[in-house]
Amino acid sequence: MMVMSIILAISIPGIGQNSKAFAAAERTPVVFVHGLTGSDSNFTFIESYLRGQGWSSDELFAIDLPSKQGNQLLNSAAISQFVDNVLRETGHTKVNIVAHSMGGANSLYYILNRGGLSKVDKLVTLGGANRLTTTSAPQGVEVTSIYSTSDTIVSPALSRLTGANNIQISLVSHIGLLFNSRVNALIKTALSE
């Protein structure tokens, strides 16, 4: 009888396995990257929504960038180290990034200049200042740019990238992109496709 219990514990998924390793088999980890003057707490609403849609806390990671002024060199180095730590912790080979505002430009800089191209599967930007880094989506990364015609901080023209899935919405402010149920649904779709 004792042998039977041990066999069951080994063969049933999740029993007798490291929960991080089991979670790693589920979804690609999501790294959240904030914008100017922001912090890792900017994504609390989006993280809560994704948890309600089946993501586990072990699959969601938010970075607090060192330069609140958006310094590309400092922030891309921090994103690089953070992503490497997430990959080590989860056992995945790639992450998905959801970035707001200047976090979009910083994430693109990381992807294009700090080795992120081989470590990022999908990039979703929310009112991203994307064209401060590039005019085109990086080859090999699925990029979705969600932006609002009501954004008075980052112009939609600055968010749109050639080769990206550019999604224009309206009646949502720049900060509102972090707290909008329609945007949440778009993020979920972009991460799930």
N, C-alpha and C. Protein backbone atom coordinates (compact mmCIF):
# COMPACT_ATOMS: atom_id res chain seq x y z
N MET A 1 0.81 -1.19 0.00
CA MET A 1 0.00 0.00 0.00
C MET A 1 0.86 1.27 0.00
N MET A 2 1.96 1.23 0.74
CA MET A 2 2.88 2.36 0.80
C MET A 2 3.47 2.64 -0.58
N VAL A 3 3.83 1.58 -1.32
CA VAL A 3 4.39 1.73 -2.66
C VAL A 3 3.38 2.39 -3.59
N MET A 4 2.11 2.01 -3.48
CA MET A 4 1.05 2.57 -4.30
C MET A 4 0.93 4.09 -4.06
N SER A 5 1.01 4.53 -2.81
CA SER A 5 0.92 5.95 -2.48
C SER A 5 2.07 6.73 -3.08
N ILE A 6 3.26 6.17 -3.04
CA ILE A 6 4.43 6.84 -3.61
C ILE A 6 4.29 6.94 -5.11
N ILE A 7 3.84 5.90 -5.77
CA ILE A 7 3.66 5.92 -7.22
C ILE A 7 2.62 6.96 -7.61
N LEU A 8 1.52 7.04 -6.89
CA LEU A 8 0.49 8.03 -7.18
C LEU A 8 1.03 9.44 -7.02
N ALA A 9 1.79 9.68 -5.97
CA ALA A 9 2.35 11.02 -5.73
C ALA A 9 3.30 11.42 -6.84
N ILE A 10 4.03 10.49 -7.40
CA ILE A 10 4.98 10.80 -8.46
C ILE A 10 4.28 11.00 -9.79
N SER A 11 3.21 10.26 -10.04
CA SER A 11 2.59 10.30 -11.35
C SER A 11 1.47 11.33 -11.51
N ILE A 12 0.94 11.86 -10.43
CA ILE A 12 -0.12 12.86 -10.54
C ILE A 12 0.53 14.23 -10.67
N PRO A 13 0.22 14.98 -11.77
CA PRO A 13 0.81 16.29 -11.96
C PRO A 13 0.57 17.21 -10.77
N GLY A 14 1.63 17.88 -10.35
CA GLY A 14 1.52 18.83 -9.26
C GLY A 14 1.81 18.24 -7.91
N ILE A 15 1.66 16.92 -7.73
CA ILE A 15 1.94 16.29 -6.44
C ILE A 15 3.38 15.80 -6.48
N GLY A 16 4.13 16.20 -5.49
CA GLY A 16 5.53 15.79 -5.42
C GLY A 16 6.43 16.57 -6.37
N GLN A 17 5.88 17.64 -7.00
CA GLN A 17 6.68 18.45 -7.91
C GLN A 17 6.83 19.85 -7.35
N ASN A 18 7.91 20.50 -7.71
CA ASN A 18 8.12 21.88 -7.33
C ASN A 18 7.03 22.73 -7.99
N SER A 19 6.33 23.54 -7.23
CA SER A 19 5.22 24.32 -7.78
C SER A 19 5.69 25.31 -8.83
N LYS A 20 6.89 25.87 -8.67
CA LYS A 20 7.43 26.79 -9.68
C LYS A 20 7.64 26.06 -10.99
N ALA A 21 8.22 24.87 -10.92
CA ALA A 21 8.47 24.09 -12.14
C ALA A 21 7.15 23.69 -12.79
N PHE A 22 6.15 23.36 -11.98
CA PHE A 22 4.84 22.98 -12.53
C PHE A 22 4.20 24.19 -13.18
N ALA A 23 4.30 25.36 -12.54
CA ALA A 23 3.73 26.58 -13.11
C ALA A 23 4.43 26.93 -14.41
N ALA A 24 5.74 26.67 -14.48
CA ALA A 24 6.50 26.99 -15.67
C ALA A 24 5.99 26.24 -16.89
N ALA A 25 5.43 25.08 -16.68
CA ALA A 25 4.92 24.30 -17.78
C ALA A 25 3.61 24.87 -18.32
N GLU A 26 2.96 25.75 -17.56
CA GLU A 26 1.66 26.27 -17.94
C GLU A 26 1.75 27.41 -18.96
N ARG A 27 2.27 28.56 -18.58
CA ARG A 27 2.29 29.74 -19.45
C ARG A 27 3.66 30.39 -19.44
N THR A 28 3.92 31.12 -20.51
CA THR A 28 5.14 31.93 -20.58
C THR A 28 5.03 33.02 -19.52
N PRO A 29 6.08 33.22 -18.72
CA PRO A 29 6.03 34.27 -17.69
C PRO A 29 5.82 35.65 -18.31
N VAL A 30 5.12 36.51 -17.59
CA VAL A 30 4.87 37.88 -18.04
C VAL A 30 5.66 38.83 -17.16
N VAL A 31 6.44 39.71 -17.80
CA VAL A 31 7.20 40.74 -17.10
C VAL A 31 6.55 42.09 -17.41
N PHE A 32 6.22 42.84 -16.37
CA PHE A 32 5.59 44.15 -16.52
C PHE A 32 6.66 45.23 -16.35
N VAL A 33 6.67 46.20 -17.30
CA VAL A 33 7.68 47.27 -17.30
C VAL A 33 6.96 48.61 -17.30
N HIS A 34 7.15 49.40 -16.24
CA HIS A 34 6.46 50.68 -16.10
C HIS A 34 7.14 51.80 -16.89
N GLY A 35 6.47 52.95 -16.91
CA GLY A 35 6.98 54.12 -17.62
C GLY A 35 7.59 55.15 -16.69
N LEU A 36 7.71 56.38 -17.20
CA LEU A 36 8.31 57.47 -16.44
C LEU A 36 7.59 57.69 -15.11
N THR A 37 8.35 57.90 -14.10
CA THR A 37 7.90 58.15 -12.72
C THR A 37 7.03 57.02 -12.15
N GLY A 38 6.93 55.90 -12.85
CA GLY A 38 6.10 54.79 -12.41
C GLY A 38 6.83 53.86 -11.46
N SER A 39 6.17 52.74 -11.18
CA SER A 39 6.77 51.71 -10.34
C SER A 39 6.13 50.37 -10.68
N ASP A 40 6.65 49.33 -10.07
CA ASP A 40 6.12 47.99 -10.31
C ASP A 40 4.66 47.86 -9.87
N SER A 41 4.21 48.73 -8.98
CA SER A 41 2.83 48.66 -8.51
C SER A 41 1.82 49.19 -9.53
N ASN A 42 2.29 49.82 -10.62
CA ASN A 42 1.39 50.34 -11.64
C ASN A 42 0.53 49.25 -12.29
N PHE A 43 0.97 48.00 -12.19
CA PHE A 43 0.29 46.91 -12.90
C PHE A 43 -0.60 46.06 -12.00
N THR A 44 -0.89 46.53 -10.80
CA THR A 44 -1.69 45.76 -9.85
C THR A 44 -3.05 45.37 -10.44
N PHE A 45 -3.72 46.30 -11.11
CA PHE A 45 -5.04 46.03 -11.69
C PHE A 45 -4.95 44.98 -12.80
N ILE A 46 -3.95 45.11 -13.67
CA ILE A 46 -3.78 44.17 -14.78
C ILE A 46 -3.39 42.80 -14.25
N GLU A 47 -2.49 42.77 -13.27
CA GLU A 47 -2.09 41.48 -12.67
C GLU A 47 -3.29 40.78 -12.05
N SER A 48 -4.13 41.54 -11.34
CA SER A 48 -5.32 40.97 -10.71
C SER A 48 -6.26 40.39 -11.78
N TYR A 49 -6.42 41.12 -12.86
CA TYR A 49 -7.26 40.63 -13.96
C TYR A 49 -6.71 39.33 -14.53
N LEU A 50 -5.41 39.28 -14.80
CA LEU A 50 -4.82 38.07 -15.39
C LEU A 50 -4.92 36.88 -14.43
N ARG A 51 -4.74 37.13 -13.13
CA ARG A 51 -4.93 36.04 -12.16
C ARG A 51 -6.36 35.51 -12.24
N GLY A 52 -7.32 36.39 -12.42
CA GLY A 52 -8.71 35.98 -12.56
C GLY A 52 -8.97 35.22 -13.85
N GLN A 53 -8.06 35.36 -14.81
CA GLN A 53 -8.18 34.67 -16.10
C GLN A 53 -7.34 33.39 -16.15
N GLY A 54 -6.76 33.01 -15.00
CA GLY A 54 -6.05 31.74 -14.93
C GLY A 54 -4.54 31.81 -14.78
N TRP A 55 -3.95 33.00 -14.90
CA TRP A 55 -2.51 33.11 -14.66
C TRP A 55 -2.26 32.95 -13.17
N SER A 56 -1.15 32.36 -12.81
CA SER A 56 -0.80 32.25 -11.39
C SER A 56 0.16 33.38 -11.03
N SER A 57 0.27 33.66 -9.75
CA SER A 57 1.21 34.68 -9.28
C SER A 57 2.64 34.32 -9.66
N ASP A 58 2.92 33.02 -9.80
CA ASP A 58 4.26 32.55 -10.17
C ASP A 58 4.58 32.79 -11.64
N GLU A 59 3.61 33.32 -12.39
CA GLU A 59 3.82 33.60 -13.82
C GLU A 59 3.83 35.10 -14.10
N LEU A 60 3.67 35.94 -13.08
CA LEU A 60 3.56 37.39 -13.25
C LEU A 60 4.64 38.09 -12.44
N PHE A 61 5.44 38.93 -13.11
CA PHE A 61 6.58 39.58 -12.48
C PHE A 61 6.63 41.05 -12.91
N ALA A 62 6.75 41.96 -11.96
CA ALA A 62 6.84 43.39 -12.28
C ALA A 62 8.17 43.94 -11.79
N ILE A 63 8.83 44.69 -12.66
CA ILE A 63 10.13 45.28 -12.33
C ILE A 63 9.92 46.73 -11.89
N ASP A 64 10.75 47.17 -10.96
CA ASP A 64 10.81 48.57 -10.56
C ASP A 64 12.11 49.11 -11.15
N LEU A 65 12.01 49.90 -12.21
CA LEU A 65 13.19 50.36 -12.95
C LEU A 65 14.02 51.36 -12.15
N PRO A 66 15.35 51.36 -12.35
CA PRO A 66 16.22 52.27 -11.60
C PRO A 66 16.10 53.73 -12.03
N SER A 67 15.84 53.98 -13.32
CA SER A 67 15.71 55.36 -13.79
C SER A 67 14.24 55.69 -14.02
N LYS A 68 13.70 56.53 -13.17
CA LYS A 68 12.30 56.94 -13.32
C LYS A 68 12.15 57.97 -14.44
N GLN A 69 13.29 58.41 -15.00
CA GLN A 69 13.28 59.35 -16.12
C GLN A 69 13.40 58.62 -17.46
N GLY A 70 13.47 57.30 -17.44
CA GLY A 70 13.45 56.52 -18.67
C GLY A 70 14.79 56.30 -19.34
N ASN A 71 15.89 56.48 -18.63
CA ASN A 71 17.22 56.29 -19.22
C ASN A 71 17.33 54.90 -19.86
N GLN A 72 17.50 54.88 -21.17
CA GLN A 72 17.52 53.62 -21.93
C GLN A 72 18.62 52.68 -21.48
N LEU A 73 19.83 53.20 -21.27
CA LEU A 73 20.95 52.33 -20.90
C LEU A 73 20.76 51.69 -19.54
N LEU A 74 20.39 52.50 -18.54
CA LEU A 74 20.18 51.96 -17.20
C LEU A 74 19.00 50.99 -17.15
N ASN A 75 17.89 51.40 -17.74
CA ASN A 75 16.68 50.58 -17.64
C ASN A 75 16.78 49.30 -18.47
N SER A 76 17.38 49.35 -19.64
CA SER A 76 17.51 48.13 -20.44
C SER A 76 18.44 47.13 -19.76
N ALA A 77 19.46 47.62 -19.07
CA ALA A 77 20.35 46.72 -18.32
C ALA A 77 19.58 46.07 -17.17
N ALA A 78 18.74 46.86 -16.49
CA ALA A 78 17.93 46.31 -15.39
C ALA A 78 16.92 45.30 -15.91
N ILE A 79 16.29 45.59 -17.05
CA ILE A 79 15.33 44.65 -17.64
C ILE A 79 16.04 43.35 -18.01
N SER A 80 17.23 43.46 -18.58
CA SER A 80 18.01 42.28 -18.97
C SER A 80 18.27 41.37 -17.77
N GLN A 81 18.75 41.96 -16.69
CA GLN A 81 19.04 41.18 -15.48
C GLN A 81 17.75 40.59 -14.89
N PHE A 82 16.69 41.37 -14.87
CA PHE A 82 15.41 40.92 -14.32
C PHE A 82 14.86 39.74 -15.12
N VAL A 83 14.88 39.87 -16.45
CA VAL A 83 14.39 38.78 -17.31
C VAL A 83 15.21 37.51 -17.09
N ASP A 84 16.53 37.65 -17.02
CA ASP A 84 17.38 36.48 -16.77
C ASP A 84 17.00 35.80 -15.45
N ASN A 85 16.72 36.60 -14.42
CA ASN A 85 16.31 36.04 -13.13
C ASN A 85 14.97 35.31 -13.24
N VAL A 86 14.02 35.89 -13.97
CA VAL A 86 12.71 35.26 -14.17
C VAL A 86 12.87 33.94 -14.91
N LEU A 87 13.70 33.93 -15.94
CA LEU A 87 13.92 32.70 -16.71
C LEU A 87 14.56 31.62 -15.84
N ARG A 88 15.51 32.01 -15.02
CA ARG A 88 16.15 31.06 -14.10
C ARG A 88 15.12 30.51 -13.11
N GLU A 89 14.31 31.38 -12.55
CA GLU A 89 13.33 30.99 -11.53
C GLU A 89 12.23 30.09 -12.08
N THR A 90 11.80 30.36 -13.31
CA THR A 90 10.66 29.62 -13.87
C THR A 90 11.05 28.44 -14.75
N GLY A 91 12.29 28.42 -15.21
CA GLY A 91 12.71 27.35 -16.11
C GLY A 91 12.31 27.56 -17.55
N HIS A 92 11.74 28.72 -17.85
CA HIS A 92 11.36 29.04 -19.24
C HIS A 92 12.56 29.57 -20.01
N THR A 93 12.44 29.58 -21.32
CA THR A 93 13.50 30.14 -22.17
C THR A 93 13.12 31.52 -22.70
N LYS A 94 11.83 31.89 -22.56
CA LYS A 94 11.37 33.20 -23.04
C LYS A 94 10.34 33.77 -22.07
N VAL A 95 10.18 35.10 -22.14
CA VAL A 95 9.15 35.80 -21.39
C VAL A 95 8.27 36.57 -22.37
N ASN A 96 7.12 37.01 -21.88
CA ASN A 96 6.31 38.01 -22.56
C ASN A 96 6.43 39.28 -21.74
N ILE A 97 6.47 40.42 -22.41
CA ILE A 97 6.58 41.70 -21.71
C ILE A 97 5.31 42.53 -21.97
N VAL A 98 4.76 43.11 -20.91
CA VAL A 98 3.70 44.10 -21.02
C VAL A 98 4.28 45.39 -20.47
N ALA A 99 4.33 46.43 -21.31
CA ALA A 99 5.00 47.67 -20.93
C ALA A 99 4.09 48.87 -21.14
N HIS A 100 4.20 49.84 -20.24
CA HIS A 100 3.41 51.06 -20.33
C HIS A 100 4.32 52.25 -20.62
N SER A 101 3.89 53.10 -21.55
CA SER A 101 4.54 54.38 -21.81
C SER A 101 6.01 54.21 -22.19
N MET A 102 6.91 54.88 -21.47
CA MET A 102 8.35 54.78 -21.76
C MET A 102 8.87 53.36 -21.51
N GLY A 103 8.13 52.57 -20.75
CA GLY A 103 8.49 51.16 -20.59
C GLY A 103 8.51 50.42 -21.92
N GLY A 104 7.68 50.87 -22.86
CA GLY A 104 7.70 50.29 -24.21
C GLY A 104 9.01 50.56 -24.91
N ALA A 105 9.46 51.81 -24.88
CA ALA A 105 10.74 52.17 -25.50
C ALA A 105 11.90 51.46 -24.81
N ASN A 106 11.87 51.41 -23.47
CA ASN A 106 12.93 50.72 -22.73
C ASN A 106 12.96 49.23 -23.05
N SER A 107 11.79 48.61 -23.17
CA SER A 107 11.71 47.18 -23.49
C SER A 107 12.22 46.92 -24.91
N LEU A 108 11.84 47.77 -25.85
CA LEU A 108 12.35 47.62 -27.22
C LEU A 108 13.86 47.79 -27.27
N TYR A 109 14.40 48.73 -26.49
CA TYR A 109 15.86 48.91 -26.44
C TYR A 109 16.52 47.64 -25.90
N TYR A 110 15.93 47.06 -24.86
CA TYR A 110 16.44 45.80 -24.32
C TYR A 110 16.42 44.70 -25.39
N ILE A 111 15.30 44.58 -26.09
CA ILE A 111 15.17 43.54 -27.11
C ILE A 111 16.19 43.73 -28.22
N LEU A 112 16.36 44.96 -28.68
CA LEU A 112 17.23 45.23 -29.84
C LEU A 112 18.71 45.35 -29.50
N ASN A 113 19.04 45.75 -28.27
CA ASN A 113 20.44 46.07 -27.96
C ASN A 113 21.05 45.33 -26.77
N ARG A 114 20.25 44.56 -26.03
CA ARG A 114 20.77 43.91 -24.82
C ARG A 114 20.48 42.41 -24.80
N GLY A 115 20.32 41.80 -25.96
CA GLY A 115 20.14 40.35 -26.02
C GLY A 115 18.73 39.86 -25.78
N GLY A 116 17.76 40.76 -25.74
CA GLY A 116 16.39 40.37 -25.45
C GLY A 116 15.67 39.69 -26.61
N LEU A 117 16.19 39.83 -27.81
CA LEU A 117 15.53 39.25 -28.98
C LEU A 117 15.32 37.75 -28.83
N SER A 118 16.29 37.08 -28.25
CA SER A 118 16.19 35.62 -28.08
C SER A 118 15.45 35.22 -26.81
N LYS A 119 15.06 36.21 -25.98
CA LYS A 119 14.44 35.90 -24.69
C LYS A 119 13.00 36.41 -24.56
N VAL A 120 12.51 37.12 -25.58
CA VAL A 120 11.16 37.67 -25.54
C VAL A 120 10.33 37.07 -26.66
N ASP A 121 9.18 36.49 -26.29
CA ASP A 121 8.27 35.93 -27.28
C ASP A 121 7.28 36.99 -27.76
N LYS A 122 6.66 37.70 -26.80
CA LYS A 122 5.65 38.71 -27.14
C LYS A 122 5.91 39.98 -26.34
N LEU A 123 5.65 41.11 -26.99
CA LEU A 123 5.73 42.42 -26.35
C LEU A 123 4.39 43.11 -26.56
N VAL A 124 3.76 43.53 -25.47
CA VAL A 124 2.51 44.29 -25.54
C VAL A 124 2.80 45.65 -24.92
N THR A 125 2.61 46.72 -25.71
CA THR A 125 2.84 48.05 -25.16
C THR A 125 1.50 48.77 -25.02
N LEU A 126 1.40 49.55 -23.96
CA LEU A 126 0.20 50.33 -23.65
C LEU A 126 0.58 51.80 -23.69
N GLY A 127 0.15 52.51 -24.71
CA GLY A 127 0.56 53.90 -24.85
C GLY A 127 2.07 54.01 -24.89
N GLY A 128 2.70 53.06 -25.56
CA GLY A 128 4.16 52.98 -25.58
C GLY A 128 4.81 54.10 -26.38
N ALA A 129 5.89 54.64 -25.84
CA ALA A 129 6.69 55.63 -26.56
C ALA A 129 7.68 54.88 -27.47
N ASN A 130 7.14 53.96 -28.23
CA ASN A 130 7.92 52.97 -28.97
C ASN A 130 8.89 53.56 -29.99
N ARG A 131 8.44 54.60 -30.71
CA ARG A 131 9.26 55.16 -31.78
C ARG A 131 10.45 55.97 -31.25
N LEU A 132 10.58 56.12 -29.94
CA LEU A 132 11.81 56.71 -29.41
C LEU A 132 12.96 55.73 -29.55
N THR A 133 12.63 54.44 -29.77
CA THR A 133 13.65 53.41 -29.94
C THR A 133 13.73 52.90 -31.37
N THR A 134 12.58 52.62 -31.99
CA THR A 134 12.56 52.04 -33.33
C THR A 134 11.23 52.35 -34.00
N THR A 135 11.21 52.26 -35.32
CA THR A 135 9.95 52.46 -36.05
C THR A 135 9.30 51.14 -36.44
N SER A 136 10.02 50.03 -36.23
CA SER A 136 9.51 48.72 -36.65
C SER A 136 9.56 47.71 -35.52
N ALA A 137 8.59 46.81 -35.53
CA ALA A 137 8.60 45.71 -34.56
C ALA A 137 9.81 44.82 -34.83
N PRO A 138 10.51 44.40 -33.78
CA PRO A 138 11.67 43.51 -33.98
C PRO A 138 11.24 42.19 -34.61
N GLN A 139 11.99 41.74 -35.59
CA GLN A 139 11.73 40.45 -36.24
C GLN A 139 11.87 39.34 -35.22
N GLY A 140 10.88 38.44 -35.15
CA GLY A 140 10.95 37.31 -34.24
C GLY A 140 10.22 37.52 -32.92
N VAL A 141 9.71 38.74 -32.69
CA VAL A 141 8.94 39.04 -31.48
C VAL A 141 7.56 39.50 -31.94
N GLU A 142 6.52 38.90 -31.38
CA GLU A 142 5.14 39.34 -31.69
C GLU A 142 4.87 40.60 -30.89
N VAL A 143 4.66 41.71 -31.58
CA VAL A 143 4.45 42.99 -30.91
C VAL A 143 3.01 43.45 -31.11
N THR A 144 2.36 43.78 -30.01
CA THR A 144 1.03 44.39 -30.03
C THR A 144 1.15 45.76 -29.36
N SER A 145 0.76 46.79 -30.08
CA SER A 145 0.80 48.15 -29.54
C SER A 145 -0.63 48.63 -29.37
N ILE A 146 -1.03 48.82 -28.11
CA ILE A 146 -2.38 49.30 -27.79
C ILE A 146 -2.23 50.77 -27.39
N TYR A 147 -2.96 51.64 -28.08
CA TYR A 147 -2.84 53.07 -27.79
C TYR A 147 -4.19 53.73 -27.95
N SER A 148 -4.34 54.91 -27.36
CA SER A 148 -5.62 55.60 -27.33
C SER A 148 -5.54 56.95 -28.03
N THR A 149 -6.58 57.26 -28.79
CA THR A 149 -6.68 58.58 -29.42
C THR A 149 -6.93 59.66 -28.36
N SER A 150 -7.29 59.26 -27.17
CA SER A 150 -7.54 60.20 -26.07
C SER A 150 -6.30 60.39 -25.19
N ASP A 151 -5.19 59.79 -25.56
CA ASP A 151 -3.94 59.90 -24.80
C ASP A 151 -3.31 61.26 -25.09
N THR A 152 -3.17 62.08 -24.05
CA THR A 152 -2.58 63.42 -24.23
C THR A 152 -1.11 63.45 -23.80
N ILE A 153 -0.56 62.29 -23.44
CA ILE A 153 0.84 62.24 -23.02
C ILE A 153 1.72 61.61 -24.10
N VAL A 154 1.32 60.47 -24.63
CA VAL A 154 2.06 59.82 -25.71
C VAL A 154 1.15 59.78 -26.94
N SER A 155 1.58 60.43 -27.99
CA SER A 155 0.80 60.49 -29.22
C SER A 155 0.67 59.09 -29.84
N PRO A 156 -0.50 58.75 -30.38
CA PRO A 156 -0.64 57.47 -31.07
C PRO A 156 0.42 57.25 -32.15
N ALA A 157 0.85 58.32 -32.80
CA ALA A 157 1.89 58.20 -33.83
C ALA A 157 3.19 57.68 -33.25
N LEU A 158 3.45 57.97 -31.98
CA LEU A 158 4.66 57.51 -31.32
C LEU A 158 4.54 56.04 -30.91
N SER A 159 3.33 55.56 -30.78
CA SER A 159 3.09 54.17 -30.36
C SER A 159 3.11 53.18 -31.52
N ARG A 160 2.60 53.58 -32.68
CA ARG A 160 2.47 52.67 -33.82
C ARG A 160 3.84 52.22 -34.34
N LEU A 161 3.95 50.92 -34.60
CA LEU A 161 5.18 50.36 -35.17
C LEU A 161 4.86 49.58 -36.44
N THR A 162 5.68 49.72 -37.44
CA THR A 162 5.55 48.91 -38.65
C THR A 162 5.76 47.45 -38.28
N GLY A 163 4.86 46.59 -38.74
CA GLY A 163 4.99 45.16 -38.46
C GLY A 163 4.38 44.71 -37.15
N ALA A 164 3.82 45.65 -36.39
CA ALA A 164 3.17 45.31 -35.12
C ALA A 164 1.67 45.18 -35.33
N ASN A 165 0.99 44.54 -34.39
CA ASN A 165 -0.46 44.55 -34.36
C ASN A 165 -0.84 45.83 -33.62
N ASN A 166 -1.10 46.90 -34.36
CA ASN A 166 -1.41 48.21 -33.78
C ASN A 166 -2.91 48.29 -33.54
N ILE A 167 -3.29 48.48 -32.26
CA ILE A 167 -4.70 48.52 -31.89
C ILE A 167 -5.03 49.89 -31.31
N GLN A 168 -5.85 50.63 -32.05
CA GLN A 168 -6.25 51.96 -31.62
C GLN A 168 -7.59 51.89 -30.90
N ILE A 169 -7.64 52.51 -29.72
CA ILE A 169 -8.89 52.63 -28.97
C ILE A 169 -9.11 54.11 -28.69
N SER A 170 -10.24 54.43 -28.09
CA SER A 170 -10.50 55.82 -27.75
C SER A 170 -11.15 55.89 -26.37
N LEU A 171 -11.25 57.11 -25.88
CA LEU A 171 -11.89 57.41 -24.59
C LEU A 171 -11.17 56.79 -23.39
N VAL A 172 -9.88 56.54 -23.53
CA VAL A 172 -9.06 56.03 -22.43
C VAL A 172 -7.81 56.91 -22.33
N SER A 173 -7.56 57.47 -21.16
CA SER A 173 -6.39 58.33 -20.97
C SER A 173 -5.11 57.50 -20.92
N HIS A 174 -3.99 58.20 -20.89
CA HIS A 174 -2.69 57.52 -20.83
C HIS A 174 -2.59 56.63 -19.59
N ILE A 175 -2.88 57.18 -18.43
CA ILE A 175 -2.84 56.40 -17.18
C ILE A 175 -4.00 55.41 -17.16
N GLY A 176 -5.12 55.78 -17.77
CA GLY A 176 -6.28 54.91 -17.83
C GLY A 176 -6.01 53.59 -18.54
N LEU A 177 -4.99 53.54 -19.40
CA LEU A 177 -4.63 52.29 -20.07
C LEU A 177 -4.26 51.20 -19.07
N LEU A 178 -3.85 51.59 -17.88
CA LEU A 178 -3.48 50.64 -16.83
C LEU A 178 -4.68 50.15 -16.02
N PHE A 179 -5.85 50.77 -16.23
CA PHE A 179 -7.01 50.49 -15.38
C PHE A 179 -8.29 50.30 -16.18
N ASN A 180 -8.20 49.76 -17.36
CA ASN A 180 -9.36 49.68 -18.24
C ASN A 180 -9.67 48.22 -18.59
N SER A 181 -10.91 47.82 -18.41
CA SER A 181 -11.28 46.42 -18.66
C SER A 181 -11.16 46.05 -20.14
N ARG A 182 -11.45 46.98 -21.03
CA ARG A 182 -11.29 46.70 -22.48
C ARG A 182 -9.82 46.46 -22.81
N VAL A 183 -8.94 47.28 -22.24
CA VAL A 183 -7.50 47.10 -22.46
C VAL A 183 -7.05 45.76 -21.89
N ASN A 184 -7.55 45.42 -20.71
CA ASN A 184 -7.21 44.12 -20.11
C ASN A 184 -7.55 42.97 -21.04
N ALA A 185 -8.73 43.02 -21.66
CA ALA A 185 -9.14 41.96 -22.58
C ALA A 185 -8.21 41.91 -23.79
N LEU A 186 -7.77 43.06 -24.27
CA LEU A 186 -6.83 43.11 -25.40
C LEU A 186 -5.47 42.52 -25.01
N ILE A 187 -5.03 42.81 -23.79
CA ILE A 187 -3.77 42.25 -23.30
C ILE A 187 -3.88 40.73 -23.25
N LYS A 188 -4.95 40.23 -22.67
CA LYS A 188 -5.17 38.79 -22.57
C LYS A 188 -5.11 38.13 -23.95
N THR A 189 -5.80 38.71 -24.92
CA THR A 189 -5.80 38.17 -26.28
C THR A 189 -4.40 38.16 -26.86
N ALA A 190 -3.66 39.26 -26.69
CA ALA A 190 -2.30 39.34 -27.23
C ALA A 190 -1.38 38.30 -26.59
N LEU A 191 -1.54 38.07 -25.30
CA LEU A 191 -0.69 37.09 -24.61
C LEU A 191 -1.09 35.65 -24.95
N SER A 192 -2.35 35.44 -25.28
CA SER A 192 -2.86 34.09 -25.49
C SER A 192 -2.70 33.59 -26.93
N GLU A 193 -2.55 34.50 -27.88
CA GLU A 193 -2.48 34.09 -29.30
C GLU A 193 -1.18 33.40 -29.63
